[in-house]
Structure formats: C-alpha cells, structure tokens
Amino acid sequence: QVQLVESGGGLVQAGGSLRLSCAVSGRTSSTYRMGWFRQAPGKEREFVASITWSGGTTSYADSVKGRFTISRDNAKNTVYLQMNSLKPEDTAVYYCANKRVGSGKYDSWGQGTQVTVSS
C-alpha cells in the first residue's frame, strides 16, 4: 500500500510556471511507475505524464510536451511535475498516481492539488 500527497498547486498567470510535488510513502518497493493526471471541471480525467521509478523513463501527453517535465528523487521518495509556459487550458486538479510492479493500471491516488491558470 502506497500513500501519495500532492502539493505545489496554486494560481498563476498564463505563461507562468509551477512545480508540483508528490510525496510517496508506504511500500514504495512495489512501485513501477508514477504518473500525473489532471481533471478539469466538467471533463474526464486525463493522463499528463509518467516516469518509471527505477529507470526514469518518461512519457508525456502531446498537449504538454515541451512545457512540462516529470522527474523523481528516489532518495526523497518524491515525484515532481515542472510546469512551464502554462496556459488557461492547463487549469485542473492534478493528481499523482502509482502503478505497482505487475499491475496494468494505477492503483493508488493522491487527493489532488488545484492548478488555476488565468488569462
């Protein structure tokens, strides 16, 4: 069982930057991949970025490529999402998620942190 706590959300103007953090605790040895997802008002949750815990292989949604960077600090059990050149359409609740080794889906989720980008 893994516990995830997001932080770093806030209100920024278009073109600004934010860095989200996800603190991971519990049985971290079972972690295979960490992901960031977001859900805007009235919309479905969508994938943003992911990173493998061991190798650091990353993946990004087309909408954020070149603007967002996912990273992790294994020693600190923390995953980050650096968001640059933010756009109003990036406004959403951002969630951190964990995919276990041997699992085909994300099983553990954080509570989410609000990101609001004003025009």
C-alpha atoms as a PDB file:
ATOM      1  CA  GLN A   1       0.000   0.000   0.000  1.00  0.00           C
ATOM      2  CA  VAL A   2       1.295   3.405  -1.039  1.00  0.00           C
ATOM      3  CA  GLN A   3       0.234   6.828   0.181  1.00  0.00           C
ATOM      4  CA  LEU A   4       0.542   9.861  -2.077  1.00  0.00           C
ATOM      5  CA  VAL A   5       0.322  13.522  -1.113  1.00  0.00           C
ATOM      6  CA  GLU A   6       0.427  16.271  -3.730  1.00  0.00           C
ATOM      7  CA  SER A   7       1.448  19.851  -3.118  1.00  0.00           C
ATOM      8  CA  GLY A   8       2.531  22.939  -5.027  1.00  0.00           C
ATOM      9  CA  GLY A   9      -0.659  23.906  -6.781  1.00  0.00           C
ATOM     10  CA  GLY A  10      -1.833  27.463  -6.947  1.00  0.00           C
ATOM     11  CA  LEU A  11      -2.985  30.375  -9.059  1.00  0.00           C
ATOM     12  CA  VAL A  12      -0.704  31.679 -11.801  1.00  0.00           C
ATOM     13  CA  GLN A  13      -0.988  33.825 -14.884  1.00  0.00           C
ATOM     14  CA  ALA A  14      -0.693  32.406 -18.372  1.00  0.00           C
ATOM     15  CA  GLY A  15       2.944  31.936 -19.270  1.00  0.00           C
ATOM     16  CA  GLY A  16       3.943  31.347 -15.683  1.00  0.00           C
ATOM     17  CA  SER A  17       5.348  28.266 -14.001  1.00  0.00           C
ATOM     18  CA  LEU A  18       4.567  25.936 -11.135  1.00  0.00           C
ATOM     19  CA  ARG A  19       6.241  22.878  -9.709  1.00  0.00           C
ATOM     20  CA  LEU A  20       4.076  20.167  -8.240  1.00  0.00           C
ATOM     21  CA  SER A  21       5.394  17.640  -5.769  1.00  0.00           C
ATOM     22  CA  CYS A  22       4.145  14.209  -4.838  1.00  0.00           C
ATOM     23  CA  ALA A  23       5.419  12.687  -1.619  1.00  0.00           C
ATOM     24  CA  VAL A  24       5.333   8.900  -1.674  1.00  0.00           C
ATOM     25  CA  SER A  25       5.220   6.769   1.448  1.00  0.00           C
ATOM     26  CA  GLY A  26       4.354   3.222   2.381  1.00  0.00           C
ATOM     27  CA  ARG A  27       5.533   0.197   0.447  1.00  0.00           C
ATOM     28  CA  THR A  28       7.488   2.081  -2.180  1.00  0.00           C
ATOM     29  CA  SER A  29       9.396  -1.035  -3.179  1.00  0.00           C
ATOM     30  CA  SER A  30       6.346  -2.138  -5.133  1.00  0.00           C
ATOM     31  CA  THR A  31       6.325   0.982  -7.321  1.00  0.00           C
ATOM     32  CA  TYR A  32       6.892   0.547 -11.028  1.00  0.00           C
ATOM     33  CA  ARG A  33       5.629   3.807 -12.495  1.00  0.00           C
ATOM     34  CA  MET A  34       4.451   7.151 -11.159  1.00  0.00           C
ATOM     35  CA  GLY A  35       2.067   9.286 -13.111  1.00  0.00           C
ATOM     36  CA  TRP A  36       0.455  12.696 -13.118  1.00  0.00           C
ATOM     37  CA  PHE A  37      -3.135  13.075 -14.232  1.00  0.00           C
ATOM     38  CA  ARG A  38      -5.469  16.032 -14.302  1.00  0.00           C
ATOM     39  CA  GLN A  39      -9.165  16.670 -14.349  1.00  0.00           C
ATOM     40  CA  ALA A  40     -10.712  19.934 -15.453  1.00  0.00           C
ATOM     41  CA  PRO A  41     -14.242  20.956 -14.450  1.00  0.00           C
ATOM     42  CA  GLY A  42     -16.801  19.002 -16.433  1.00  0.00           C
ATOM     43  CA  LYS A  43     -14.169  16.866 -18.130  1.00  0.00           C
ATOM     44  CA  GLU A  44     -12.793  13.375 -17.732  1.00  0.00           C
ATOM     45  CA  ARG A  45      -9.520  12.693 -16.013  1.00  0.00           C
ATOM     46  CA  GLU A  46      -6.644  12.660 -18.471  1.00  0.00           C
ATOM     47  CA  PHE A  47      -3.066  11.475 -18.498  1.00  0.00           C
ATOM     48  CA  VAL A  48      -0.372  14.129 -18.259  1.00  0.00           C
ATOM     49  CA  ALA A  49       2.989  12.457 -17.702  1.00  0.00           C
ATOM     50  CA  SER A  50       4.618   9.407 -16.172  1.00  0.00           C
ATOM     51  CA  ILE A  51       8.017   8.148 -15.121  1.00  0.00           C
ATOM     52  CA  THR A  52       9.335   4.729 -14.194  1.00  0.00           C
ATOM     53  CA  TRP A  53      10.648   4.647 -10.671  1.00  0.00           C
ATOM     54  CA  SER A  54      13.773   2.680 -11.416  1.00  0.00           C
ATOM     55  CA  GLY A  55      14.927   3.761 -14.849  1.00  0.00           C
ATOM     56  CA  GLY A  56      13.393   7.209 -15.099  1.00  0.00           C
ATOM     57  CA  THR A  57      11.808   6.606 -18.491  1.00  0.00           C
ATOM     58  CA  THR A  58       9.285   9.348 -19.151  1.00  0.00           C
ATOM     59  CA  SER A  59       6.134   9.716 -21.166  1.00  0.00           C
ATOM     60  CA  TYR A  60       4.055  12.816 -21.885  1.00  0.00           C
ATOM     61  CA  ALA A  61       0.714  13.745 -23.282  1.00  0.00           C
ATOM     62  CA  ASP A  62       1.036  15.626 -26.561  1.00  0.00           C
ATOM     63  CA  SER A  63      -0.639  18.655 -25.040  1.00  0.00           C
ATOM     64  CA  VAL A  64       2.168  19.202 -22.530  1.00  0.00           C
ATOM     65  CA  LYS A  65       5.259  18.097 -24.436  1.00  0.00           C
ATOM     66  CA  GLY A  66       7.945  20.737 -24.378  1.00  0.00           C
ATOM     67  CA  ARG A  67       6.304  22.550 -21.487  1.00  0.00           C
ATOM     68  CA  PHE A  68       6.057  20.038 -18.646  1.00  0.00           C
ATOM     69  CA  THR A  69       8.814  17.905 -17.184  1.00  0.00           C
ATOM     70  CA  ILE A  70       8.318  14.978 -14.843  1.00  0.00           C
ATOM     71  CA  SER A  71      11.146  13.889 -12.599  1.00  0.00           C
ATOM     72  CA  ARG A  72      11.742  11.953  -9.427  1.00  0.00           C
ATOM     73  CA  ASP A  73      14.113  11.904  -6.494  1.00  0.00           C
ATOM     74  CA  ASN A  74      14.178   8.325  -5.284  1.00  0.00           C
ATOM     75  CA  ALA A  75      16.151   9.204  -2.160  1.00  0.00           C
ATOM     76  CA  LYS A  76      13.413  11.625  -1.149  1.00  0.00           C
ATOM     77  CA  ASN A  77      10.585   9.412  -2.379  1.00  0.00           C
ATOM     78  CA  THR A  78       9.238  12.364  -4.295  1.00  0.00           C
ATOM     79  CA  VAL A  79       7.949  12.898  -7.815  1.00  0.00           C
ATOM     80  CA  TYR A  80       7.814  16.331  -9.414  1.00  0.00           C
ATOM     81  CA  LEU A  81       5.997  17.954 -12.271  1.00  0.00           C
ATOM     82  CA  GLN A  82       7.623  21.137 -13.503  1.00  0.00           C
ATOM     83  CA  MET A  83       5.075  23.097 -15.489  1.00  0.00           C
ATOM     84  CA  ASN A  84       6.261  25.957 -17.670  1.00  0.00           C
ATOM     85  CA  SER A  85       4.502  28.192 -20.175  1.00  0.00           C
ATOM     86  CA  LEU A  86       1.212  27.467 -18.512  1.00  0.00           C
ATOM     87  CA  LYS A  87      -1.984  28.019 -20.430  1.00  0.00           C
ATOM     88  CA  PRO A  88      -5.541  28.557 -19.207  1.00  0.00           C
ATOM     89  CA  GLU A  89      -6.424  25.119 -20.575  1.00  0.00           C
ATOM     90  CA  ASP A  90      -3.990  23.615 -18.070  1.00  0.00           C
ATOM     91  CA  THR A  91      -6.385  24.580 -15.296  1.00  0.00           C
ATOM     92  CA  ALA A  92      -7.381  21.414 -13.462  1.00  0.00           C
ATOM     93  CA  VAL A  93      -6.977  19.375 -10.343  1.00  0.00           C
ATOM     94  CA  TYR A  94      -3.724  17.482 -10.696  1.00  0.00           C
ATOM     95  CA  TYR A  95      -3.402  14.010  -9.227  1.00  0.00           C
ATOM     96  CA  CYS A  96      -0.386  11.865  -8.527  1.00  0.00           C
ATOM     97  CA  ALA A  97      -0.786   8.124  -9.051  1.00  0.00           C
ATOM     98  CA  ASN A  98       1.188   4.950  -8.507  1.00  0.00           C
ATOM     99  CA  LYS A  99       1.348   1.834 -10.637  1.00  0.00           C
ATOM    100  CA  ARG A 100       2.583  -1.270  -8.859  1.00  0.00           C
ATOM    101  CA  VAL A 101       5.008  -3.788 -10.236  1.00  0.00           C
ATOM    102  CA  GLY A 102       2.973  -6.398 -12.047  1.00  0.00           C
ATOM    103  CA  SER A 103      -0.098  -4.190 -12.290  1.00  0.00           C
ATOM    104  CA  GLY A 104      -1.577  -2.968 -15.528  1.00  0.00           C
ATOM    105  CA  LYS A 105      -3.195   0.093 -14.015  1.00  0.00           C
ATOM    106  CA  TYR A 106      -2.686   2.861 -11.492  1.00  0.00           C
ATOM    107  CA  ASP A 107      -3.869   1.657  -8.089  1.00  0.00           C
ATOM    108  CA  SER A 108      -3.061   4.417  -5.603  1.00  0.00           C
ATOM    109  CA  TRP A 109      -4.039   8.064  -5.969  1.00  0.00           C
ATOM    110  CA  GLY A 110      -3.379  11.260  -4.094  1.00  0.00           C
ATOM    111  CA  GLN A 111      -6.010  13.778  -3.056  1.00  0.00           C
ATOM    112  CA  GLY A 112      -5.118  16.217  -5.801  1.00  0.00           C
ATOM    113  CA  THR A 113      -3.871  19.781  -5.929  1.00  0.00           C
ATOM    114  CA  GLN A 114      -5.600  22.628  -7.737  1.00  0.00           C
ATOM    115  CA  VAL A 115      -3.815  24.449 -10.538  1.00  0.00           C
ATOM    116  CA  THR A 116      -5.515  27.534 -11.909  1.00  0.00           C
ATOM    117  CA  VAL A 117      -4.076  29.492 -14.828  1.00  0.00           C
ATOM    118  CA  SER A 118      -5.590  32.878 -15.523  1.00  0.00           C
ATOM    119  CA  SER A 119      -5.510  34.629 -18.878  1.00  0.00           C
END
